[in-house]
All heavy atoms as atom14 arrays in JSON, in Angstrom:
{
  "sequence": "PGPGSVAGLLNGTPFSSSSAIVNLSCFVVGT",
  "atom14_mask": [
    [1, 1, 1, 1, 1, 1, 1, 0, 0, 0, 0, 0, 0, 0],
    [1, 1, 1, 1, 0, 0, 0, 0, 0, 0, 0, 0, 0, 0],
    [1, 1, 1, 1, 1, 1, 1, 0, 0, 0, 0, 0, 0, 0],
    [1, 1, 1, 1, 0, 0, 0, 0, 0, 0, 0, 0, 0, 0],
    [1, 1, 1, 1, 1, 1, 0, 0, 0, 0, 0, 0, 0, 0],
    [1, 1, 1, 1, 1, 1, 1, 0, 0, 0, 0, 0, 0, 0],
    [1, 1, 1, 1, 1, 0, 0, 0, 0, 0, 0, 0, 0, 0],
    [1, 1, 1, 1, 0, 0, 0, 0, 0, 0, 0, 0, 0, 0],
    [1, 1, 1, 1, 1, 1, 1, 1, 0, 0, 0, 0, 0, 0],
    [1, 1, 1, 1, 1, 1, 1, 1, 0, 0, 0, 0, 0, 0],
    [1, 1, 1, 1, 1, 1, 1, 1, 0, 0, 0, 0, 0, 0],
    [1, 1, 1, 1, 0, 0, 0, 0, 0, 0, 0, 0, 0, 0],
    [1, 1, 1, 1, 1, 1, 1, 0, 0, 0, 0, 0, 0, 0],
    [1, 1, 1, 1, 1, 1, 1, 0, 0, 0, 0, 0, 0, 0],
    [1, 1, 1, 1, 1, 1, 1, 1, 1, 1, 1, 0, 0, 0],
    [1, 1, 1, 1, 1, 1, 0, 0, 0, 0, 0, 0, 0, 0],
    [1, 1, 1, 1, 1, 1, 0, 0, 0, 0, 0, 0, 0, 0],
    [1, 1, 1, 1, 1, 1, 0, 0, 0, 0, 0, 0, 0, 0],
    [1, 1, 1, 1, 1, 1, 0, 0, 0, 0, 0, 0, 0, 0],
    [1, 1, 1, 1, 1, 0, 0, 0, 0, 0, 0, 0, 0, 0],
    [1, 1, 1, 1, 1, 1, 1, 1, 0, 0, 0, 0, 0, 0],
    [1, 1, 1, 1, 1, 1, 1, 0, 0, 0, 0, 0, 0, 0],
    [1, 1, 1, 1, 1, 1, 1, 1, 0, 0, 0, 0, 0, 0],
    [1, 1, 1, 1, 1, 1, 1, 1, 0, 0, 0, 0, 0, 0],
    [1, 1, 1, 1, 1, 1, 0, 0, 0, 0, 0, 0, 0, 0],
    [1, 1, 1, 1, 1, 1, 0, 0, 0, 0, 0, 0, 0, 0],
    [1, 1, 1, 1, 1, 1, 1, 1, 1, 1, 1, 0, 0, 0],
    [1, 1, 1, 1, 1, 1, 1, 0, 0, 0, 0, 0, 0, 0],
    [1, 1, 1, 1, 1, 1, 1, 0, 0, 0, 0, 0, 0, 0],
    [1, 1, 1, 1, 0, 0, 0, 0, 0, 0, 0, 0, 0, 0],
    [1, 1, 1, 1, 1, 1, 1, 0, 0, 0, 0, 0, 0, 0]
  ],
  "atom14_positions": [
    [[18.22, 6.34, 54.33], [17.39, 5.23, 53.81], [15.9, 5.71, 53.78], [15.57, 6.79, 54.26], [17.59, 4.13, 54.8], [17.91, 4.83, 56.09], [18.71, 6.05, 55.68], [0.0, 0.0, 0.0], [0.0, 0.0, 0.0], [0.0, 0.0, 0.0], [0.0, 0.0, 0.0], [0.0, 0.0, 0.0], [0.0, 0.0, 0.0], [0.0, 0.0, 0.0]],
    [[15.09, 4.87, 53.19], [13.68, 5.25, 53.1], [12.76, 4.11, 53.55], [13.2, 3.02, 53.85], [0.0, 0.0, 0.0], [0.0, 0.0, 0.0], [0.0, 0.0, 0.0], [0.0, 0.0, 0.0], [0.0, 0.0, 0.0], [0.0, 0.0, 0.0], [0.0, 0.0, 0.0], [0.0, 0.0, 0.0], [0.0, 0.0, 0.0], [0.0, 0.0, 0.0]],
    [[11.45, 4.39, 53.58], [10.46, 3.37, 53.99], [10.27, 2.33, 52.89], [10.28, 2.68, 51.7], [9.2, 4.18, 54.21], [9.34, 5.35, 53.3], [10.82, 5.69, 53.26], [0.0, 0.0, 0.0], [0.0, 0.0, 0.0], [0.0, 0.0, 0.0], [0.0, 0.0, 0.0], [0.0, 0.0, 0.0], [0.0, 0.0, 0.0], [0.0, 0.0, 0.0]],
    [[10.09, 1.11, 53.29], [9.87, 0.05, 52.28], [8.96, -1.02, 52.89], [8.59, -1.02, 54.06], [0.0, 0.0, 0.0], [0.0, 0.0, 0.0], [0.0, 0.0, 0.0], [0.0, 0.0, 0.0], [0.0, 0.0, 0.0], [0.0, 0.0, 0.0], [0.0, 0.0, 0.0], [0.0, 0.0, 0.0], [0.0, 0.0, 0.0], [0.0, 0.0, 0.0]],
    [[8.61, -2.0, 52.04], [7.79, -3.1, 52.53], [8.13, -4.35, 51.68], [8.59, -4.2, 50.53], [6.3, -2.77, 52.39], [5.94, -2.6, 51.03], [0.0, 0.0, 0.0], [0.0, 0.0, 0.0], [0.0, 0.0, 0.0], [0.0, 0.0, 0.0], [0.0, 0.0, 0.0], [0.0, 0.0, 0.0], [0.0, 0.0, 0.0], [0.0, 0.0, 0.0]],
    [[7.94, -5.49, 52.29], [8.19, -6.77, 51.62], [6.99, -7.67, 51.91], [6.57, -7.78, 53.08], [9.49, -7.44, 52.09], [9.76, -8.7, 51.25], [10.65, -6.47, 51.99], [0.0, 0.0, 0.0], [0.0, 0.0, 0.0], [0.0, 0.0, 0.0], [0.0, 0.0, 0.0], [0.0, 0.0, 0.0], [0.0, 0.0, 0.0], [0.0, 0.0, 0.0]],
    [[6.45, -8.35, 50.91], [5.33, -9.25, 51.09], [5.49, -10.44, 50.14], [6.09, -10.33, 49.07], [4.03, -8.54, 50.85], [0.0, 0.0, 0.0], [0.0, 0.0, 0.0], [0.0, 0.0, 0.0], [0.0, 0.0, 0.0], [0.0, 0.0, 0.0], [0.0, 0.0, 0.0], [0.0, 0.0, 0.0], [0.0, 0.0, 0.0], [0.0, 0.0, 0.0]],
    [[4.94, -11.59, 50.56], [4.98, -12.76, 49.72], [4.67, -14.0, 50.51], [3.84, -13.95, 51.43], [0.0, 0.0, 0.0], [0.0, 0.0, 0.0], [0.0, 0.0, 0.0], [0.0, 0.0, 0.0], [0.0, 0.0, 0.0], [0.0, 0.0, 0.0], [0.0, 0.0, 0.0], [0.0, 0.0, 0.0], [0.0, 0.0, 0.0], [0.0, 0.0, 0.0]],
    [[5.35, -15.12, 50.25], [5.22, -16.36, 50.92], [6.51, -16.8, 51.49], [7.55, -16.75, 50.78], [4.63, -17.43, 50.01], [3.29, -17.16, 49.32], [3.0, -18.29, 48.33], [2.18, -17.02, 50.3], [0.0, 0.0, 0.0], [0.0, 0.0, 0.0], [0.0, 0.0, 0.0], [0.0, 0.0, 0.0], [0.0, 0.0, 0.0], [0.0, 0.0, 0.0]],
    [[6.54, -17.26, 52.74], [7.72, -17.91, 53.33], [7.32, -19.32, 53.67], [6.44, -19.55, 54.5], [8.2, -17.16, 54.58], [9.36, -17.83, 55.31], [10.57, -17.95, 54.42], [9.73, -17.03, 56.57], [0.0, 0.0, 0.0], [0.0, 0.0, 0.0], [0.0, 0.0, 0.0], [0.0, 0.0, 0.0], [0.0, 0.0, 0.0], [0.0, 0.0, 0.0]],
    [[7.97, -20.29, 52.96], [7.64, -21.68, 53.13], [6.15, -21.93, 52.92], [5.51, -22.74, 53.64], [8.07, -22.21, 54.48], [9.58, -22.07, 54.67], [10.35, -22.23, 53.74], [10.01, -21.81, 55.92], [0.0, 0.0, 0.0], [0.0, 0.0, 0.0], [0.0, 0.0, 0.0], [0.0, 0.0, 0.0], [0.0, 0.0, 0.0], [0.0, 0.0, 0.0]],
    [[5.54, -21.17, 51.97], [4.15, -21.35, 51.62], [3.16, -20.58, 52.47], [1.95, -20.6, 52.17], [0.0, 0.0, 0.0], [0.0, 0.0, 0.0], [0.0, 0.0, 0.0], [0.0, 0.0, 0.0], [0.0, 0.0, 0.0], [0.0, 0.0, 0.0], [0.0, 0.0, 0.0], [0.0, 0.0, 0.0], [0.0, 0.0, 0.0], [0.0, 0.0, 0.0]],
    [[3.69, -19.87, 53.5], [2.77, -19.11, 54.37], [2.87, -17.62, 54.03], [3.99, -17.08, 53.98], [3.17, -19.31, 55.85], [3.04, -20.7, 56.16], [2.23, -18.52, 56.77], [0.0, 0.0, 0.0], [0.0, 0.0, 0.0], [0.0, 0.0, 0.0], [0.0, 0.0, 0.0], [0.0, 0.0, 0.0], [0.0, 0.0, 0.0], [0.0, 0.0, 0.0]],
    [[1.73, -16.93, 53.82], [1.8, -15.5, 53.47], [2.4, -14.67, 54.62], [2.22, -14.96, 55.79], [0.32, -15.13, 53.27], [-0.37, -16.42, 52.99], [0.36, -17.47, 53.77], [0.0, 0.0, 0.0], [0.0, 0.0, 0.0], [0.0, 0.0, 0.0], [0.0, 0.0, 0.0], [0.0, 0.0, 0.0], [0.0, 0.0, 0.0], [0.0, 0.0, 0.0]],
    [[3.18, -13.66, 54.22], [3.7, -12.72, 55.2], [3.71, -11.31, 54.59], [3.61, -11.15, 53.37], [5.15, -13.09, 55.57], [6.17, -12.75, 54.5], [6.78, -11.51, 54.46], [6.54, -13.7, 53.55], [7.71, -11.2, 53.48], [7.44, -13.41, 52.56], [8.04, -12.13, 52.52], [0.0, 0.0, 0.0], [0.0, 0.0, 0.0], [0.0, 0.0, 0.0]],
    [[3.77, -10.34, 55.45], [3.88, -8.95, 55.03], [4.66, -8.18, 56.07], [4.29, -8.16, 57.25], [2.5, -8.32, 54.85], [2.6, -6.99, 54.46], [0.0, 0.0, 0.0], [0.0, 0.0, 0.0], [0.0, 0.0, 0.0], [0.0, 0.0, 0.0], [0.0, 0.0, 0.0], [0.0, 0.0, 0.0], [0.0, 0.0, 0.0], [0.0, 0.0, 0.0]],
    [[5.71, -7.54, 55.62], [6.52, -6.73, 56.52], [6.45, -5.29, 55.96], [7.14, -4.92, 55.01], [7.99, -7.21, 56.52], [8.79, -6.44, 57.42], [0.0, 0.0, 0.0], [0.0, 0.0, 0.0], [0.0, 0.0, 0.0], [0.0, 0.0, 0.0], [0.0, 0.0, 0.0], [0.0, 0.0, 0.0], [0.0, 0.0, 0.0], [0.0, 0.0, 0.0]],
    [[5.54, -4.5, 56.54], [5.19, -3.21, 56.01], [6.12, -2.06, 56.39], [5.97, -0.98, 55.9], [3.76, -2.87, 56.35], [3.61, -2.79, 57.77], [0.0, 0.0, 0.0], [0.0, 0.0, 0.0], [0.0, 0.0, 0.0], [0.0, 0.0, 0.0], [0.0, 0.0, 0.0], [0.0, 0.0, 0.0], [0.0, 0.0, 0.0], [0.0, 0.0, 0.0]],
    [[7.04, -2.31, 57.3], [7.89, -1.19, 57.78], [9.37, -1.44, 57.56], [10.21, -0.88, 58.24], [7.64, -0.97, 59.29], [7.87, -2.15, 60.02], [0.0, 0.0, 0.0], [0.0, 0.0, 0.0], [0.0, 0.0, 0.0], [0.0, 0.0, 0.0], [0.0, 0.0, 0.0], [0.0, 0.0, 0.0], [0.0, 0.0, 0.0], [0.0, 0.0, 0.0]],
    [[9.71, -2.29, 56.55], [11.1, -2.59, 56.29], [11.81, -1.33, 55.81], [11.23, -0.45, 55.17], [11.2, -3.67, 55.21], [0.0, 0.0, 0.0], [0.0, 0.0, 0.0], [0.0, 0.0, 0.0], [0.0, 0.0, 0.0], [0.0, 0.0, 0.0], [0.0, 0.0, 0.0], [0.0, 0.0, 0.0], [0.0, 0.0, 0.0], [0.0, 0.0, 0.0]],
    [[13.11, -1.24, 56.15], [13.92, -0.09, 55.71], [14.64, -0.47, 54.44], [15.19, -1.55, 54.28], [14.95, 0.25, 56.79], [14.26, 0.58, 58.13], [15.8, 1.46, 56.34], [13.28, 1.73, 58.04], [0.0, 0.0, 0.0], [0.0, 0.0, 0.0], [0.0, 0.0, 0.0], [0.0, 0.0, 0.0], [0.0, 0.0, 0.0], [0.0, 0.0, 0.0]],
    [[14.63, 0.46, 53.46], [15.29, 0.18, 52.14], [16.39, 1.2, 51.89], [16.21, 2.41, 52.22], [14.26, 0.2, 50.99], [13.49, 1.51, 50.92], [14.95, -0.07, 49.68], [0.0, 0.0, 0.0], [0.0, 0.0, 0.0], [0.0, 0.0, 0.0], [0.0, 0.0, 0.0], [0.0, 0.0, 0.0], [0.0, 0.0, 0.0], [0.0, 0.0, 0.0]],
    [[17.5, 0.7, 51.43], [18.62, 1.55, 50.98], [18.86, 1.35, 49.51], [18.66, 0.24, 48.97], [19.92, 1.18, 51.73], [19.94, 1.75, 53.15], [20.29, 2.86, 53.38], [19.54, 0.92, 54.11], [0.0, 0.0, 0.0], [0.0, 0.0, 0.0], [0.0, 0.0, 0.0], [0.0, 0.0, 0.0], [0.0, 0.0, 0.0], [0.0, 0.0, 0.0]],
    [[19.22, 2.4, 48.82], [19.45, 2.33, 47.37], [20.7, 3.06, 47.03], [20.96, 4.2, 47.55], [18.27, 2.99, 46.61], [18.47, 3.19, 45.09], [18.49, 1.85, 44.36], [17.39, 4.08, 44.51], [0.0, 0.0, 0.0], [0.0, 0.0, 0.0], [0.0, 0.0, 0.0], [0.0, 0.0, 0.0], [0.0, 0.0, 0.0], [0.0, 0.0, 0.0]],
    [[21.56, 2.45, 46.23], [22.78, 3.1, 45.73], [22.9, 2.8, 44.24], [23.04, 1.6, 43.86], [24.0, 2.6, 46.49], [25.19, 3.18, 46.0], [0.0, 0.0, 0.0], [0.0, 0.0, 0.0], [0.0, 0.0, 0.0], [0.0, 0.0, 0.0], [0.0, 0.0, 0.0], [0.0, 0.0, 0.0], [0.0, 0.0, 0.0], [0.0, 0.0, 0.0]],
    [[22.82, 3.81, 43.4], [22.89, 3.6, 41.97], [23.92, 4.48, 41.32], [24.23, 5.56, 41.78], [21.51, 3.97, 41.33], [20.21, 2.78, 41.62], [0.0, 0.0, 0.0], [0.0, 0.0, 0.0], [0.0, 0.0, 0.0], [0.0, 0.0, 0.0], [0.0, 0.0, 0.0], [0.0, 0.0, 0.0], [0.0, 0.0, 0.0], [0.0, 0.0, 0.0]],
    [[24.46, 3.95, 40.23], [25.25, 4.81, 39.34], [24.7, 4.57, 37.95], [24.97, 3.52, 37.29], [26.73, 4.47, 39.39], [27.57, 5.36, 38.5], [27.73, 6.69, 38.87], [28.11, 4.91, 37.35], [28.47, 7.55, 38.07], [28.86, 5.75, 36.52], [29.02, 7.08, 36.88], [0.0, 0.0, 0.0], [0.0, 0.0, 0.0], [0.0, 0.0, 0.0]],
    [[23.86, 5.47, 37.52], [23.18, 5.36, 36.22], [23.57, 6.55, 35.37], [23.44, 7.71, 35.8], [21.64, 5.33, 36.41], [20.97, 5.36, 35.03], [21.24, 4.09, 37.17], [0.0, 0.0, 0.0], [0.0, 0.0, 0.0], [0.0, 0.0, 0.0], [0.0, 0.0, 0.0], [0.0, 0.0, 0.0], [0.0, 0.0, 0.0], [0.0, 0.0, 0.0]],
    [[24.1, 6.29, 34.21], [24.51, 7.37, 33.27], [23.72, 7.15, 31.99], [23.83, 6.12, 31.35], [26.04, 7.34, 32.98], [26.39, 8.45, 31.99], [26.81, 7.49, 34.25], [0.0, 0.0, 0.0], [0.0, 0.0, 0.0], [0.0, 0.0, 0.0], [0.0, 0.0, 0.0], [0.0, 0.0, 0.0], [0.0, 0.0, 0.0], [0.0, 0.0, 0.0]],
    [[22.91, 8.14, 31.64], [22.12, 8.0, 30.38], [21.02, 6.99, 30.51], [20.11, 7.11, 31.29], [0.0, 0.0, 0.0], [0.0, 0.0, 0.0], [0.0, 0.0, 0.0], [0.0, 0.0, 0.0], [0.0, 0.0, 0.0], [0.0, 0.0, 0.0], [0.0, 0.0, 0.0], [0.0, 0.0, 0.0], [0.0, 0.0, 0.0], [0.0, 0.0, 0.0]],
    [[21.17, 5.91, 29.76], [20.08, 4.9, 29.67], [20.27, 3.64, 30.46], [19.42, 2.76, 30.48], [19.88, 4.52, 28.17], [21.07, 3.92, 27.7], [19.52, 5.72, 27.35], [0.0, 0.0, 0.0], [0.0, 0.0, 0.0], [0.0, 0.0, 0.0], [0.0, 0.0, 0.0], [0.0, 0.0, 0.0], [0.0, 0.0, 0.0], [0.0, 0.0, 0.0]]
  ]
}
């Protein structure tokens, strides 16, 4: 996995989670 972050509003209150872990799995062929 790699480093990630999530930010926005939760129930109208700003938040920022700067050390979230992100996983990605793709199968992309061509376009």
